[in-house]
């Protein structure tokens, strides 16, 4: 079925179909999780069948989930740019046998908007776009259309990366409950969303019998109600599952820290942590 989706020029659907193969026998309640994934596929197919009747932002989201892409030049030509001084929140590189991908997350110091920049290169070579985490770049960004715009394109004429203003190196964040609310709001606009980038402020990494969690510093680490004083399990895919978690614990030393990452239904995947001096440390390699 995935091969048929590739033949139909729907690589997004093909990827979701391939991922279904990893769900059976993957842990408790796997039949329910598999059924949820089938339901999301059915919803996406139904939405694409009536894409011309959907509101424009939702229609753009559906097309992108199916796998249709919009070229960067077209985005810059048709979408109004957002000018800001963008703090580089985090970076993550992935690669397979064909393609290397770099993800860069930025946050506008004036607008507060988060943007995701994607850069691709040939396997075995680093992606072209490189912005050091913790620095600020003044630039225009144009967001890809969608119900919850996140991916963006860096416009021409961007300034060189520079240190943030004094006191501006650590981004403002929210509680665990606030992070879950942000993810919920994003999910309402895009039901196929796995996670949403969020900055957590004043959280402490806490080990437990079922894995690590991030707990609000002013609350009870045994309370997971999602309100102030709540906690969220750490979901650490790839290299972050080992060294990244220990770097997070070492930077914290039991004290509250600011952590940027992706909040989703599996938990919180940390990307960057800031120490007491405002120095960022990457948690993914």
Protein backbone atom coordinates (compact mmCIF):
# COMPACT_ATOMS: atom_id res chain seq x y z
CA UNK A 1 0.00 0.00 0.00
CA UNK A 2 2.86 2.41 0.77
CA UNK A 3 4.34 1.72 -2.67
CA UNK A 4 0.97 2.50 -4.26
CA UNK A 5 0.89 5.81 -2.38
CA UNK A 6 4.35 6.66 -3.71
CA UNK A 7 3.16 5.88 -7.23
CA UNK A 8 0.20 8.19 -6.61
CA UNK A 9 2.61 11.03 -5.70
CA UNK A 10 1.45 10.98 -2.07
CA UNK A 11 4.67 10.44 -0.07
CA UNK A 12 3.12 11.77 3.13
CA UNK A 13 0.48 9.08 3.10
CA UNK A 14 3.10 6.49 2.18
CA UNK A 15 5.17 7.40 5.23
CA UNK A 16 2.20 7.10 7.57
CA UNK A 17 1.29 3.71 6.09
CA UNK A 18 4.86 2.42 6.56
CA UNK A 19 4.85 3.51 10.20
CA UNK A 20 1.84 1.27 10.87
CA UNK A 21 4.10 -1.78 10.56
CA UNK A 22 5.91 -0.82 13.78
CA UNK A 23 2.78 -0.63 15.94
CA UNK A 24 1.70 -4.32 16.30
CA UNK A 25 3.24 -5.97 19.39
CA UNK A 26 4.95 -2.66 20.29
CA UNK A 27 3.67 -2.54 23.85
CA UNK A 28 0.51 -2.38 25.93
CA UNK A 29 -2.69 -1.33 24.16
CA UNK A 30 -1.14 -1.57 20.72
CA UNK A 31 -4.46 -2.57 19.05
CA UNK A 32 -6.03 0.68 20.22
CA UNK A 33 -3.08 2.73 19.01
CA UNK A 34 -3.16 0.97 15.66
CA UNK A 35 -6.88 1.69 15.32
CA UNK A 36 -6.23 5.37 16.09
CA UNK A 37 -3.65 5.53 13.31
CA UNK A 38 -6.06 3.91 10.85
CA UNK A 39 -8.72 6.41 11.88
CA UNK A 40 -6.35 9.32 11.22
CA UNK A 41 -5.53 7.87 7.81
CA UNK A 42 -9.22 7.54 7.02
CA UNK A 43 -9.81 11.13 8.15
CA UNK A 44 -6.96 12.36 5.94
CA UNK A 45 -8.25 10.46 2.91
CA UNK A 46 -11.77 11.83 3.48
CA UNK A 47 -10.42 15.38 3.89
CA UNK A 48 -8.42 15.14 0.69
CA UNK A 49 -11.48 13.90 -1.15
CA UNK A 50 -13.18 17.22 -0.43
CA UNK A 51 -10.09 19.41 -0.21
CA UNK A 52 -11.54 21.98 -2.61
CA UNK A 53 -14.40 22.65 -0.17
CA UNK A 54 -12.22 23.12 2.92
CA UNK A 55 -11.11 26.50 4.29
CA UNK A 56 -7.85 27.52 2.63
CA UNK A 57 -5.58 27.07 5.70
CA UNK A 58 -6.99 23.60 6.45
CA UNK A 59 -6.80 22.63 2.78
CA UNK A 60 -3.11 23.60 2.76
CA UNK A 61 -2.55 21.41 5.83
CA UNK A 62 -4.31 18.44 4.22
CA UNK A 63 -2.25 18.77 1.03
CA UNK A 64 1.00 18.92 3.02
CA UNK A 65 0.01 15.84 5.05
CA UNK A 66 -0.72 13.93 1.87
CA UNK A 67 2.72 14.91 0.64
CA UNK A 68 2.31 17.81 -1.75
CA UNK A 69 5.00 20.43 -1.22
CA UNK A 70 5.23 24.13 -1.97
CA UNK A 71 8.59 25.38 -3.23
CA UNK A 72 10.41 27.90 -1.04
CA UNK A 73 10.49 30.45 -3.87
CA UNK A 74 6.71 30.24 -4.17
CA UNK A 75 6.25 30.72 -0.42
CA UNK A 76 8.49 33.80 -0.43
CA UNK A 77 6.63 35.19 -3.45
CA UNK A 78 3.08 34.71 -2.17
CA UNK A 79 3.20 34.89 1.65
CA UNK A 80 3.81 38.14 3.57
CA UNK A 81 7.10 37.97 5.46
CA UNK A 82 7.43 38.33 9.23
CA UNK A 83 10.37 40.55 10.22
CA UNK A 84 11.87 39.93 13.65
CA UNK A 85 15.00 39.17 15.60
CA UNK A 86 14.90 35.39 15.82
CA UNK A 87 16.51 33.48 18.68
CA UNK A 88 17.78 30.06 17.58
CA UNK A 89 16.11 27.66 20.03
CA UNK A 90 17.46 24.33 18.86
CA UNK A 91 18.81 22.17 16.07
CA UNK A 92 18.55 18.52 15.12
CA UNK A 93 20.16 16.59 12.27
CA UNK A 94 18.85 13.31 10.86
CA UNK A 95 19.96 11.23 7.91
CA UNK A 96 19.08 8.11 5.96
CA UNK A 97 20.70 6.38 3.01
CA UNK A 98 19.53 9.10 0.62
CA UNK A 99 19.01 12.37 2.46
CA UNK A 100 20.38 14.47 5.31
CA UNK A 101 17.94 16.82 7.03
CA UNK A 102 18.58 19.66 9.45
CA UNK A 103 15.81 21.12 11.60
CA UNK A 104 16.25 24.57 13.12
CA UNK A 105 13.70 26.10 15.48
CA UNK A 106 13.56 29.88 15.91
CA UNK A 107 11.53 32.17 18.17
CA UNK A 108 10.78 35.80 17.36
CA UNK A 109 11.87 38.04 20.21
CA UNK A 110 9.12 40.56 19.40
CA UNK A 111 6.34 38.40 17.95
CA UNK A 112 6.90 35.34 20.16
CA UNK A 113 6.19 33.11 17.15
CA UNK A 114 8.10 29.86 16.71
CA UNK A 115 9.28 28.82 13.26
CA UNK A 116 10.80 25.62 11.91
CA UNK A 117 13.39 25.83 9.15
CA UNK A 118 14.19 22.67 7.17
CA UNK A 119 17.34 22.19 5.15
CA UNK A 120 18.19 19.10 3.07
CA UNK A 121 21.39 17.74 1.63
CA UNK A 122 22.77 14.60 0.09
CA UNK A 123 23.48 11.65 2.37
CA UNK A 124 26.91 11.89 3.96
CA UNK A 125 26.99 15.67 3.70
CA UNK A 126 25.74 18.23 6.18
CA UNK A 127 22.71 20.31 5.26
CA UNK A 128 23.50 23.79 4.00
CA UNK A 129 21.66 25.97 6.52
CA UNK A 130 23.56 26.51 9.78
CA UNK A 131 22.57 28.86 12.62
CA UNK A 132 24.24 28.43 16.05
CA UNK A 133 21.87 27.71 18.92
CA UNK A 134 21.61 30.61 21.35
CA UNK A 135 22.39 33.34 18.83
CA UNK A 136 19.97 35.81 17.25
CA UNK A 137 19.47 36.55 13.58
CA UNK A 138 17.49 39.48 12.19
CA UNK A 139 15.58 38.22 9.18
CA UNK A 140 12.35 37.92 7.25
CA UNK A 141 10.55 34.58 7.52
CA UNK A 142 7.66 33.46 5.34
CA UNK A 143 5.48 30.70 6.78
CA UNK A 144 4.17 27.84 4.68
CA UNK A 145 0.35 28.04 4.51
CA UNK A 146 -1.53 25.85 6.97
CA UNK A 147 -4.07 25.72 9.76
CA UNK A 148 -1.21 26.03 12.28
CA UNK A 149 1.71 27.60 10.39
CA UNK A 150 5.08 26.43 11.68
CA UNK A 151 7.44 25.58 8.85
CA UNK A 152 8.98 28.72 7.39
CA UNK A 153 11.41 29.88 4.74
CA UNK A 154 14.31 32.21 5.47
CA UNK A 155 14.08 35.29 3.30
CA UNK A 156 16.95 37.03 1.53
CA UNK A 157 18.98 39.68 3.30
CA UNK A 158 19.20 38.00 6.70
CA UNK A 159 21.73 39.54 9.05
CA UNK A 160 24.65 37.61 10.55
CA UNK A 161 23.99 35.63 13.74
CA UNK A 162 24.78 37.74 16.80
CA UNK A 163 24.68 37.33 20.59
CA UNK A 164 21.32 38.21 22.17
CA UNK A 165 20.88 41.38 24.16
CA UNK A 166 21.80 41.06 27.86
CA UNK A 167 19.12 39.03 29.60
CA UNK A 168 17.59 37.94 26.29
CA UNK A 169 19.39 34.66 25.80
CA UNK A 170 16.90 32.50 27.68
CA UNK A 171 13.47 32.37 26.02
CA UNK A 172 10.34 32.83 28.14
CA UNK A 173 8.44 29.63 28.76
CA UNK A 174 5.28 28.12 30.19
CA UNK A 175 4.34 25.51 32.77
CA UNK A 176 3.70 21.88 31.92
CA UNK A 177 -0.02 22.60 31.86
CA UNK A 178 0.58 25.55 29.55
CA UNK A 179 2.63 23.37 27.20
CA UNK A 180 -0.13 20.79 27.01
CA UNK A 181 -2.65 23.55 26.31
CA UNK A 182 -0.48 24.86 23.45
CA UNK A 183 -0.23 21.38 21.96
CA UNK A 184 -3.99 20.90 22.34
CA UNK A 185 -4.71 24.19 20.55
CA UNK A 186 -2.37 23.20 17.71
CA UNK A 187 -3.95 19.74 17.51
CA UNK A 188 -7.40 21.30 17.15
CA UNK A 189 -6.23 22.90 13.91
CA UNK A 190 -4.21 19.94 12.65
CA UNK A 191 -5.45 16.56 13.97
CA UNK A 192 -2.51 14.73 12.32
CA UNK A 193 0.02 16.67 14.40
CA UNK A 194 2.39 14.50 16.46
CA UNK A 195 3.95 17.32 18.49
CA UNK A 196 4.29 21.07 18.83
CA UNK A 197 7.43 23.09 19.78
CA UNK A 198 7.19 24.59 23.28
CA UNK A 199 9.53 26.22 25.81
CA UNK A 200 9.12 24.94 29.38
CA UNK A 201 10.22 27.30 32.15
CA UNK A 202 11.30 26.32 35.67
CA UNK A 203 11.08 22.56 35.29
CA UNK A 204 13.17 19.87 36.97
CA UNK A 205 14.13 16.55 35.34
CA UNK A 206 13.12 13.73 37.68
CA UNK A 207 13.93 10.02 37.17
CA UNK A 208 11.22 7.49 37.93
CA UNK A 209 10.51 3.78 37.64
CA UNK A 210 8.89 4.27 34.22
CA UNK A 211 11.44 6.76 32.90
CA UNK A 212 12.28 10.43 33.18
CA UNK A 213 9.76 13.22 33.56
CA UNK A 214 9.85 17.01 33.61
CA UNK A 215 8.06 18.47 36.62
CA UNK A 216 7.10 22.05 37.42
CA UNK A 217 9.51 23.28 40.08
CA UNK A 218 6.72 24.69 42.27
CA UNK A 219 4.63 21.53 42.25
CA UNK A 220 4.55 17.88 43.14
CA UNK A 221 6.42 15.55 40.78
CA UNK A 222 3.81 12.88 41.57
CA UNK A 223 0.97 15.03 40.23
CA UNK A 224 0.24 14.66 36.53
CA UNK A 225 -2.98 16.62 36.29
CA UNK A 226 -1.61 19.02 33.65
CA UNK A 227 -2.25 22.06 35.84
CA UNK A 228 0.39 24.15 37.58
CA UNK A 229 2.55 21.75 39.53
CA UNK A 230 2.13 19.00 36.95
CA UNK A 231 4.60 16.83 35.10
CA UNK A 232 5.05 15.30 31.68
CA UNK A 233 6.95 12.15 30.69
CA UNK A 234 10.13 12.62 28.68
CA UNK A 235 9.97 11.07 25.24
CA UNK A 236 13.54 10.94 23.99
CA UNK A 237 13.84 9.45 20.51
CA UNK A 238 17.19 8.61 18.98
CA UNK A 239 20.40 9.82 20.54
CA UNK A 240 18.59 11.92 23.13
CA UNK A 241 17.46 8.74 24.88
CA UNK A 242 20.94 8.23 26.36
CA UNK A 243 23.54 10.99 26.53
CA UNK A 244 20.96 13.72 25.96
CA UNK A 245 19.00 12.86 29.10
CA UNK A 246 22.14 12.75 31.21
CA UNK A 247 23.25 16.12 29.83
CA UNK A 248 19.84 17.48 30.79
CA UNK A 249 20.19 16.09 34.32
CA UNK A 250 23.76 17.38 34.62
CA UNK A 251 22.86 20.92 33.54
CA UNK A 252 19.93 20.95 35.95
CA UNK A 253 21.70 19.39 38.94
CA UNK A 254 18.29 19.19 40.59
CA UNK A 255 17.60 22.90 40.03
CA UNK A 256 14.88 24.40 37.79
CA UNK A 257 15.91 24.96 34.18
CA UNK A 258 14.40 26.20 30.92
CA UNK A 259 13.96 23.47 28.30
CA UNK A 260 12.90 23.74 24.67
CA UNK A 261 11.44 20.71 22.94
CA UNK A 262 8.44 19.14 21.27
CA UNK A 263 5.31 18.44 23.29
CA UNK A 264 3.06 15.67 22.01
CA UNK A 265 0.90 12.71 22.87
CA UNK A 266 3.97 10.58 23.67
CA UNK A 267 5.36 13.17 26.08
CA UNK A 268 8.01 15.89 25.80
CA UNK A 269 11.06 15.42 23.55
CA UNK A 270 13.76 17.82 24.83
CA UNK A 271 16.01 19.58 22.33
CA UNK A 272 17.87 22.34 24.26
CA UNK A 273 18.39 23.25 27.91
CA UNK A 274 19.67 26.55 29.33
CA UNK A 275 21.78 26.63 32.51
CA UNK A 276 21.71 29.26 35.26
CA UNK A 277 24.08 31.48 33.24
CA UNK A 278 21.86 31.38 30.17
CA UNK A 279 24.16 29.10 28.18
CA UNK A 280 22.33 26.60 25.92
CA UNK A 281 23.23 22.92 25.65
CA UNK A 282 21.94 20.76 22.82
CA UNK A 283 20.32 17.48 23.84
CA UNK A 284 20.11 15.88 20.40
CA UNK A 285 22.94 15.05 18.05
